[in-house]
Amino acid sequence: MKKQLLSAVVLCTLGVVGCGDQVEPTPVDPNKQVGTRLEGKTLVMEGANIPSHPNGYNEDMNLEGATQCYSKSTMVVGNNTYTVTSVLGTLRDAPQKFNVGTCDHAAPGATAQFTSTAVLIENAKADLSCFDATFTYNGFGQEGRGSLSADGKTLKLELFFTGQATGHRCADGAVGAATVKLNGAAFAGNAVQTFVAQ
């Protein structure tokens, strides 16, 4: 009898047989972890963290209202809503559309603010080293891939305007990998925006 009781205790301890209610841990959804870890944070992109080709377009080119020359961008995350305030830089020596000059990051210009109407994070790796990101705003959208550092302080987003790029998801390669085609042509620029939590 003692041997049978001892065997039951051992089996219960090892979890081989049912010994009361055992709750399986809920698997962590890495897609939700991105928003959870960014919730309530203010992230800033400035200086060397501004890429040469934000959204895929040369920051030094005059694209009139779509010119991608920035001085600073601030992203505030709350309730899965991303509010982005961008301070434009000053584009010098490019007076006409499609002229290429120099983006002066140190000379701030006009400010524009956009608030997301939808955010979709998909296909996230468990360590958040890559995830697919789609942001929808009034009048435009951005899509691509991103990564979040282990300490949650550095967010990298390689984004392009909706429908203009291919090869820009995690299935194609890591953030910044040379896998992107923009409007059908191989993309050789740097579109990785780096935001640092303040």
Protein backbone atom coordinates (compact mmCIF):
# COMPACT_ATOMS: atom_id res chain seq x y z
CA MET A 1 0.00 0.00 0.00
CA LYS A 2 2.80 2.39 0.89
CA LYS A 3 4.54 1.62 -2.39
CA GLN A 4 1.36 2.36 -4.36
CA LEU A 5 0.86 5.65 -2.52
CA LEU A 6 4.47 6.64 -3.06
CA SER A 7 4.18 5.82 -6.76
CA ALA A 8 1.09 8.02 -7.06
CA VAL A 9 2.89 10.92 -5.36
CA VAL A 10 5.89 10.55 -7.66
CA LEU A 11 3.67 10.40 -10.75
CA CYS A 12 1.69 13.43 -9.58
CA THR A 13 4.92 15.36 -8.96
CA LEU A 14 6.20 14.49 -12.42
CA GLY A 15 2.90 15.48 -13.97
CA VAL A 16 2.36 12.08 -15.57
CA VAL A 17 -1.16 11.67 -14.21
CA GLY A 18 -3.89 14.22 -13.53
CA CYS A 19 -3.50 15.55 -9.99
CA GLY A 20 -5.98 18.37 -9.63
CA ASP A 21 -6.59 21.24 -12.05
CA GLN A 22 -3.53 22.21 -14.04
CA VAL A 23 -3.85 25.35 -16.14
CA GLU A 24 -1.88 25.45 -19.34
CA PRO A 25 -0.10 28.80 -19.76
CA THR A 26 -1.63 31.02 -22.44
CA PRO A 27 0.74 31.26 -25.39
CA VAL A 28 2.15 34.75 -25.90
CA ASP A 29 1.04 36.24 -29.22
CA PRO A 30 4.10 38.08 -30.56
CA ASN A 31 1.87 40.15 -32.86
CA LYS A 32 0.16 41.65 -29.80
CA GLN A 33 3.46 42.07 -27.96
CA VAL A 34 4.56 44.83 -30.34
CA GLY A 35 1.66 47.08 -29.36
CA THR A 36 1.86 46.06 -25.71
CA ARG A 37 5.52 46.97 -25.43
CA LEU A 38 5.06 50.29 -27.26
CA GLU A 39 1.91 51.33 -25.37
CA GLY A 40 2.30 54.71 -23.69
CA LYS A 41 5.68 55.42 -25.22
CA THR A 42 6.93 58.48 -27.05
CA LEU A 43 9.49 57.60 -29.71
CA VAL A 44 11.65 60.04 -31.63
CA MET A 45 13.51 59.84 -34.94
CA GLU A 46 16.09 62.52 -35.62
CA GLY A 47 19.64 63.08 -36.82
CA ALA A 48 21.43 59.99 -38.14
CA ASN A 49 18.32 57.88 -37.45
CA ILE A 50 16.52 59.51 -40.39
CA PRO A 51 17.07 57.33 -43.48
CA SER A 52 18.16 58.63 -46.87
CA HIS A 53 14.92 57.40 -48.47
CA PRO A 54 11.94 57.75 -46.09
CA ASN A 55 8.98 55.79 -47.50
CA GLY A 56 11.29 54.83 -50.36
CA TYR A 57 11.90 58.30 -51.76
CA ASN A 58 15.16 60.27 -51.87
CA GLU A 59 15.07 62.91 -49.13
CA ASP A 60 17.10 65.23 -51.38
CA MET A 61 14.54 65.27 -54.20
CA ASN A 62 11.88 67.93 -54.62
CA LEU A 63 8.59 66.03 -54.69
CA GLU A 64 6.61 69.13 -53.80
CA GLY A 65 3.92 68.17 -51.25
CA ALA A 66 5.35 64.64 -50.96
CA THR A 67 8.97 65.70 -50.34
CA GLN A 68 10.57 63.38 -47.77
CA CYS A 69 13.04 65.78 -46.14
CA TYR A 70 12.60 65.59 -42.36
CA SER A 71 14.16 67.27 -39.36
CA LYS A 72 12.43 65.20 -36.67
CA SER A 73 9.53 62.79 -36.26
CA THR A 74 7.82 61.97 -32.98
CA MET A 75 5.53 58.97 -32.55
CA VAL A 76 3.19 58.70 -29.56
CA VAL A 77 1.52 55.32 -28.99
CA GLY A 78 -1.71 54.94 -27.04
CA ASN A 79 -4.67 52.54 -27.29
CA ASN A 80 -3.13 50.98 -30.42
CA THR A 81 -3.22 54.41 -32.08
CA TYR A 82 -0.05 55.95 -33.45
CA THR A 83 0.13 59.73 -33.63
CA VAL A 84 3.04 60.91 -35.73
CA THR A 85 4.22 64.52 -35.68
CA SER A 86 6.78 65.25 -38.37
CA VAL A 87 8.85 68.41 -38.53
CA LEU A 88 10.05 68.84 -42.09
CA GLY A 89 13.62 69.80 -42.84
CA THR A 90 14.65 72.37 -45.43
CA LEU A 91 15.39 71.17 -48.95
CA ARG A 92 18.12 73.32 -50.46
CA ASP A 93 19.16 73.81 -54.10
CA ALA A 94 16.18 71.97 -55.58
CA PRO A 95 13.74 74.72 -56.64
CA GLN A 96 11.66 72.70 -59.10
CA LYS A 97 9.89 69.36 -58.97
CA PHE A 98 12.24 66.38 -59.36
CA ASN A 99 15.31 68.56 -58.82
CA VAL A 100 17.80 66.94 -56.44
CA GLY A 101 19.43 69.16 -53.84
CA THR A 102 20.32 68.65 -50.17
CA CYS A 103 18.02 67.94 -47.25
CA ASP A 104 19.06 70.13 -44.33
CA HIS A 105 17.90 68.26 -41.22
CA ALA A 106 19.13 71.01 -38.94
CA ALA A 107 16.81 73.64 -40.44
CA PRO A 108 13.28 72.78 -39.29
CA GLY A 109 10.35 73.83 -41.41
CA ALA A 110 6.63 73.11 -41.38
CA THR A 111 5.01 70.55 -39.07
CA ALA A 112 2.54 67.86 -40.11
CA GLN A 113 0.61 65.50 -37.82
CA PHE A 114 -1.12 62.24 -38.68
CA THR A 115 -3.06 59.86 -36.45
CA SER A 116 -3.54 56.24 -37.45
CA THR A 117 -7.05 54.95 -38.08
CA ALA A 118 -5.87 51.32 -38.11
CA VAL A 119 -2.68 49.43 -37.27
CA LEU A 120 -2.04 45.81 -38.23
CA ILE A 121 0.95 43.83 -36.92
CA GLU A 122 1.39 40.36 -38.44
CA ASN A 123 3.90 37.53 -38.77
CA ALA A 124 5.97 38.69 -35.80
CA LYS A 125 8.93 36.58 -34.75
CA ALA A 126 8.94 35.53 -31.10
CA ASP A 127 11.85 37.90 -30.33
CA LEU A 128 10.23 40.74 -32.35
CA SER A 129 13.33 40.96 -34.54
CA CYS A 130 10.94 41.21 -37.49
CA PHE A 131 7.23 41.79 -37.93
CA ASP A 132 5.01 42.95 -40.77
CA ALA A 133 3.43 46.36 -40.17
CA THR A 134 0.58 48.13 -41.95
CA PHE A 135 -0.46 51.62 -40.88
CA THR A 136 -3.59 53.33 -42.19
CA TYR A 137 -4.12 57.08 -41.96
CA ASN A 138 -6.72 59.39 -43.44
CA GLY A 139 -5.82 59.62 -47.13
CA PHE A 140 -2.80 57.29 -47.21
CA GLY A 141 -1.22 54.17 -45.80
CA GLN A 142 2.21 52.70 -45.11
CA GLU A 143 3.30 49.08 -45.18
CA GLY A 144 6.49 47.14 -44.66
CA ARG A 145 8.37 45.47 -41.85
CA GLY A 146 9.76 46.45 -38.49
CA SER A 147 11.76 45.30 -35.49
CA LEU A 148 11.74 46.11 -31.79
CA SER A 149 14.84 45.82 -29.61
CA ALA A 150 14.87 43.46 -26.62
CA ASP A 151 14.68 46.39 -24.19
CA GLY A 152 11.76 47.92 -26.11
CA LYS A 153 13.59 51.21 -26.61
CA THR A 154 14.46 51.07 -30.30
CA LEU A 155 11.82 50.66 -32.99
CA LYS A 156 12.88 50.26 -36.61
CA LEU A 157 10.31 50.62 -39.38
CA GLU A 158 11.06 50.05 -43.06
CA LEU A 159 7.91 51.49 -44.63
CA PHE A 160 6.63 52.30 -48.09
CA PHE A 161 3.41 53.89 -49.28
CA THR A 162 0.64 51.32 -49.74
CA GLY A 163 0.74 49.43 -53.01
CA GLN A 164 4.10 50.76 -54.21
CA ALA A 165 6.52 48.11 -52.96
CA THR A 166 7.06 44.36 -53.08
CA GLY A 167 9.59 42.21 -51.21
CA HIS A 168 9.16 44.43 -48.15
CA ARG A 169 7.80 41.89 -45.65
CA CYS A 170 9.55 39.63 -43.12
CA ALA A 171 9.00 36.58 -45.35
CA ASP A 172 11.30 38.31 -47.85
CA GLY A 173 14.09 39.11 -45.39
CA ALA A 174 15.07 41.08 -42.30
CA VAL A 175 14.48 44.80 -41.85
CA GLY A 176 16.73 46.63 -44.32
CA ALA A 177 17.52 43.57 -46.44
CA ALA A 178 18.04 44.21 -50.15
CA THR A 179 14.81 42.48 -51.15
CA VAL A 180 12.58 45.43 -52.02
CA LYS A 181 11.28 46.54 -55.38
CA LEU A 182 9.71 49.97 -55.51
CA ASN A 183 7.28 50.59 -58.36
CA GLY A 184 8.76 47.52 -60.05
CA ALA A 185 12.42 48.60 -59.85
CA ALA A 186 15.07 47.28 -57.45
CA PHE A 187 15.30 49.59 -54.44
CA ALA A 188 18.85 50.44 -53.40
CA GLY A 189 18.20 53.18 -50.85
CA ASN A 190 17.77 53.08 -47.08
CA ALA A 191 14.15 53.38 -45.90
CA VAL A 192 14.67 52.16 -42.32
CA GLN A 193 13.32 54.74 -39.89
CA THR A 194 14.79 54.37 -36.40
CA PHE A 195 12.73 55.62 -33.45
CA VAL A 196 14.16 55.77 -29.92
CA ALA A 197 11.95 55.79 -26.83
CA GLN A 198 12.34 58.94 -24.74
